[in-house]
Amino acid sequence: MKVLLVYAHPEPRSLNGAIRDFAVQRLRDAGHEVQLSDLYAMQ
C-alpha cells in the first residue's frame, strides 16, 4: 500500500517528530511504500 504521511510541526525533534519517525518505520517494516510530506520544511 502507498501511504502519504503529512507532518506539520516546527520542531523536528519534538514528540510529534518521534511519532512521525515511529509511524514511518513501522509502515515500512510492514512493507508499505511511505512518502513523507513535511509542511514546515517546504515553508
PDB file of N, CA and C in Angstrom:
ATOM      1  N   MET A   1       0.837  -1.168   0.000  1.00  0.00           N
ATOM      2  CA  MET A   1       0.000   0.000   0.000  1.00  0.00           C
ATOM      3  C   MET A   1       0.889   1.241   0.000  1.00  0.00           C
ATOM      4  N   LYS A   2       0.447   2.264  -0.694  1.00  0.00           N
ATOM      5  CA  LYS A   2       1.157   3.542  -0.695  1.00  0.00           C
ATOM      6  C   LYS A   2       0.542   4.430   0.382  1.00  0.00           C
ATOM      7  N   VAL A   3       1.401   5.044   1.192  1.00  0.00           N
ATOM      8  CA  VAL A   3       0.946   5.878   2.303  1.00  0.00           C
ATOM      9  C   VAL A   3       1.589   7.258   2.174  1.00  0.00           C
ATOM     10  N   LEU A   4       0.771   8.298   2.271  1.00  0.00           N
ATOM     11  CA  LEU A   4       1.271   9.673   2.323  1.00  0.00           C
ATOM     12  C   LEU A   4       1.083  10.159   3.751  1.00  0.00           C
ATOM     13  N   LEU A   5       2.182  10.476   4.401  1.00  0.00           N
ATOM     14  CA  LEU A   5       2.144  10.985   5.775  1.00  0.00           C
ATOM     15  C   LEU A   5       2.464  12.468   5.728  1.00  0.00           C
ATOM     16  N   VAL A   6       1.525  13.284   6.163  1.00  0.00           N
ATOM     17  CA  VAL A   6       1.700  14.736   6.168  1.00  0.00           C
ATOM     18  C   VAL A   6       2.053  15.157   7.584  1.00  0.00           C
ATOM     19  N   TYR A   7       3.179  15.845   7.718  1.00  0.00           N
ATOM     20  CA  TYR A   7       3.719  16.256   9.004  1.00  0.00           C
ATOM     21  C   TYR A   7       3.839  17.764   9.018  1.00  0.00           C
ATOM     22  N   ALA A   8       3.383  18.388  10.090  1.00  0.00           N
ATOM     23  CA  ALA A   8       3.452  19.851  10.186  1.00  0.00           C
ATOM     24  C   ALA A   8       3.763  20.241  11.629  1.00  0.00           C
ATOM     25  N   HIS A   9       5.032  20.399  11.918  1.00  0.00           N
ATOM     26  CA  HIS A   9       5.449  20.837  13.253  1.00  0.00           C
ATOM     27  C   HIS A   9       6.783  21.551  13.097  1.00  0.00           C
ATOM     28  N   PRO A  10       6.968  22.695  13.762  1.00  0.00           N
ATOM     29  CA  PRO A  10       8.189  23.481  13.566  1.00  0.00           C
ATOM     30  C   PRO A  10       9.445  22.833  14.162  1.00  0.00           C
ATOM     31  N   GLU A  11       9.314  21.948  15.131  1.00  0.00           N
ATOM     32  CA  GLU A  11      10.481  21.331  15.784  1.00  0.00           C
ATOM     33  C   GLU A  11      10.540  19.839  15.445  1.00  0.00           C
ATOM     34  N   PRO A  12      11.449  19.446  14.549  1.00  0.00           N
ATOM     35  CA  PRO A  12      11.513  18.042  14.123  1.00  0.00           C
ATOM     36  C   PRO A  12      11.909  17.070  15.234  1.00  0.00           C
ATOM     37  N   ARG A  13      12.510  17.558  16.323  1.00  0.00           N
ATOM     38  CA  ARG A  13      12.929  16.676  17.409  1.00  0.00           C
ATOM     39  C   ARG A  13      11.925  16.652  18.554  1.00  0.00           C
ATOM     40  N   SER A  14      10.685  17.021  18.270  1.00  0.00           N
ATOM     41  CA  SER A  14       9.620  17.041  19.270  1.00  0.00           C
ATOM     42  C   SER A  14       8.991  15.648  19.401  1.00  0.00           C
ATOM     43  N   LEU A  15       8.009  15.548  20.279  1.00  0.00           N
ATOM     44  CA  LEU A  15       7.250  14.302  20.405  1.00  0.00           C
ATOM     45  C   LEU A  15       6.571  13.973  19.080  1.00  0.00           C
ATOM     46  N   ASN A  16       6.051  14.987  18.408  1.00  0.00           N
ATOM     47  CA  ASN A  16       5.424  14.761  17.099  1.00  0.00           C
ATOM     48  C   ASN A  16       6.432  14.197  16.099  1.00  0.00           C
ATOM     49  N   GLY A  17       7.651  14.668  16.151  1.00  0.00           N
ATOM     50  CA  GLY A  17       8.693  14.134  15.273  1.00  0.00           C
ATOM     51  C   GLY A  17       9.006  12.685  15.585  1.00  0.00           C
ATOM     52  N   ALA A  18       9.016  12.344  16.859  1.00  0.00           N
ATOM     53  CA  ALA A  18       9.259  10.956  17.261  1.00  0.00           C
ATOM     54  C   ALA A  18       8.119  10.050  16.799  1.00  0.00           C
ATOM     55  N   ILE A  19       6.892  10.539  16.911  1.00  0.00           N
ATOM     56  CA  ILE A  19       5.740   9.762  16.442  1.00  0.00           C
ATOM     57  C   ILE A  19       5.808   9.591  14.935  1.00  0.00           C
ATOM     58  N   ARG A  20       6.195  10.643  14.221  1.00  0.00           N
ATOM     59  CA  ARG A  20       6.360  10.564  12.759  1.00  0.00           C
ATOM     60  C   ARG A  20       7.370   9.490  12.396  1.00  0.00           C
ATOM     61  N   ASP A  21       8.539   9.520  13.040  1.00  0.00           N
ATOM     62  CA  ASP A  21       9.580   8.541  12.745  1.00  0.00           C
ATOM     63  C   ASP A  21       9.118   7.122  13.052  1.00  0.00           C
ATOM     64  N   PHE A  22       8.424   6.951  14.171  1.00  0.00           N
ATOM     65  CA  PHE A  22       7.907   5.650  14.565  1.00  0.00           C
ATOM     66  C   PHE A  22       6.918   5.129  13.523  1.00  0.00           C
ATOM     67  N   ALA A  23       5.989   5.992  13.108  1.00  0.00           N
ATOM     68  CA  ALA A  23       4.978   5.587  12.129  1.00  0.00           C
ATOM     69  C   ALA A  23       5.613   5.218  10.793  1.00  0.00           C
ATOM     70  N   VAL A  24       6.552   6.032  10.335  1.00  0.00           N
ATOM     71  CA  VAL A  24       7.217   5.753   9.060  1.00  0.00           C
ATOM     72  C   VAL A  24       7.950   4.414   9.122  1.00  0.00           C
ATOM     73  N   GLN A  25       8.676   4.183  10.197  1.00  0.00           N
ATOM     74  CA  GLN A  25       9.439   2.938  10.312  1.00  0.00           C
ATOM     75  C   GLN A  25       8.519   1.723  10.384  1.00  0.00           C
ATOM     76  N   ARG A  26       7.466   1.804  11.167  1.00  0.00           N
ATOM     77  CA  ARG A  26       6.529   0.668  11.288  1.00  0.00           C
ATOM     78  C   ARG A  26       5.845   0.377   9.967  1.00  0.00           C
ATOM     79  N   LEU A  27       5.437   1.421   9.257  1.00  0.00           N
ATOM     80  CA  LEU A  27       4.786   1.219   7.966  1.00  0.00           C
ATOM     81  C   LEU A  27       5.747   0.588   6.963  1.00  0.00           C
ATOM     82  N   ARG A  28       6.979   1.059   6.925  1.00  0.00           N
ATOM     83  CA  ARG A  28       7.968   0.485   6.005  1.00  0.00           C
ATOM     84  C   ARG A  28       8.301  -0.958   6.381  1.00  0.00           C
ATOM     85  N   ASP A  29       8.398  -1.228   7.677  1.00  0.00           N
ATOM     86  CA  ASP A  29       8.653  -2.601   8.132  1.00  0.00           C
ATOM     87  C   ASP A  29       7.526  -3.542   7.710  1.00  0.00           C
ATOM     88  N   ALA A  30       6.314  -3.013   7.608  1.00  0.00           N
ATOM     89  CA  ALA A  30       5.162  -3.816   7.212  1.00  0.00           C
ATOM     90  C   ALA A  30       5.054  -3.954   5.692  1.00  0.00           C
ATOM     91  N   GLY A  31       6.004  -3.333   4.966  1.00  0.00           N
ATOM     92  CA  GLY A  31       6.033  -3.486   3.519  1.00  0.00           C
ATOM     93  C   GLY A  31       5.335  -2.394   2.734  1.00  0.00           C
ATOM     94  N   HIS A  32       4.930  -1.326   3.404  1.00  0.00           N
ATOM     95  CA  HIS A  32       4.246  -0.241   2.712  1.00  0.00           C
ATOM     96  C   HIS A  32       5.254   0.754   2.147  1.00  0.00           C
ATOM     97  N   GLU A  33       4.850   1.426   1.085  1.00  0.00           N
ATOM     98  CA  GLU A  33       5.655   2.488   0.493  1.00  0.00           C
ATOM     99  C   GLU A  33       5.204   3.803   1.123  1.00  0.00           C
ATOM    100  N   VAL A  34       6.118   4.494   1.805  1.00  0.00           N
ATOM    101  CA  VAL A  34       5.765   5.694   2.560  1.00  0.00           C
ATOM    102  C   VAL A  34       6.395   6.925   1.920  1.00  0.00           C
ATOM    103  N   GLN A  35       5.564   7.933   1.698  1.00  0.00           N
ATOM    104  CA  GLN A  35       6.044   9.232   1.250  1.00  0.00           C
ATOM    105  C   GLN A  35       5.727  10.220   2.368  1.00  0.00           C
ATOM    106  N   LEU A  36       6.726  10.972   2.805  1.00  0.00           N
ATOM    107  CA  LEU A  36       6.567  11.919   3.896  1.00  0.00           C
ATOM    108  C   LEU A  36       6.538  13.332   3.331  1.00  0.00           C
ATOM    109  N   SER A  37       5.536  14.091   3.733  1.00  0.00           N
ATOM    110  CA  SER A  37       5.420  15.487   3.329  1.00  0.00           C
ATOM    111  C   SER A  37       5.549  16.343   4.578  1.00  0.00           C
ATOM    112  N   ASP A  38       6.652  17.083   4.683  1.00  0.00           N
ATOM    113  CA  ASP A  38       6.915  17.944   5.841  1.00  0.00           C
ATOM    114  C   ASP A  38       6.588  19.379   5.449  1.00  0.00           C
ATOM    115  N   LEU A  39       5.463  19.877   5.933  1.00  0.00           N
ATOM    116  CA  LEU A  39       4.996  21.196   5.514  1.00  0.00           C
ATOM    117  C   LEU A  39       5.908  22.331   5.989  1.00  0.00           C
ATOM    118  N   TYR A  40       6.507  22.200   7.150  1.00  0.00           N
ATOM    119  CA  TYR A  40       7.417  23.252   7.636  1.00  0.00           C
ATOM    120  C   TYR A  40       8.714  23.283   6.838  1.00  0.00           C
ATOM    121  N   ALA A  41       9.196  22.130   6.432  1.00  0.00           N
ATOM    122  CA  ALA A  41      10.409  22.079   5.614  1.00  0.00           C
ATOM    123  C   ALA A  41      10.168  22.701   4.241  1.00  0.00           C
ATOM    124  N   MET A  42       8.941  22.610   3.765  1.00  0.00           N
ATOM    125  CA  MET A  42       8.593  23.200   2.466  1.00  0.00           C
ATOM    126  C   MET A  42       8.266  24.682   2.575  1.00  0.00           C
ATOM    127  N   GLN A  43       8.130  25.166   3.802  1.00  0.00           N
ATOM    128  CA  GLN A  43       7.761  26.564   4.105  1.00  0.00           C
ATOM    129  C   GLN A  43       6.411  26.895   3.513  1.00  0.00           C
TER     130      GLN A  43
END
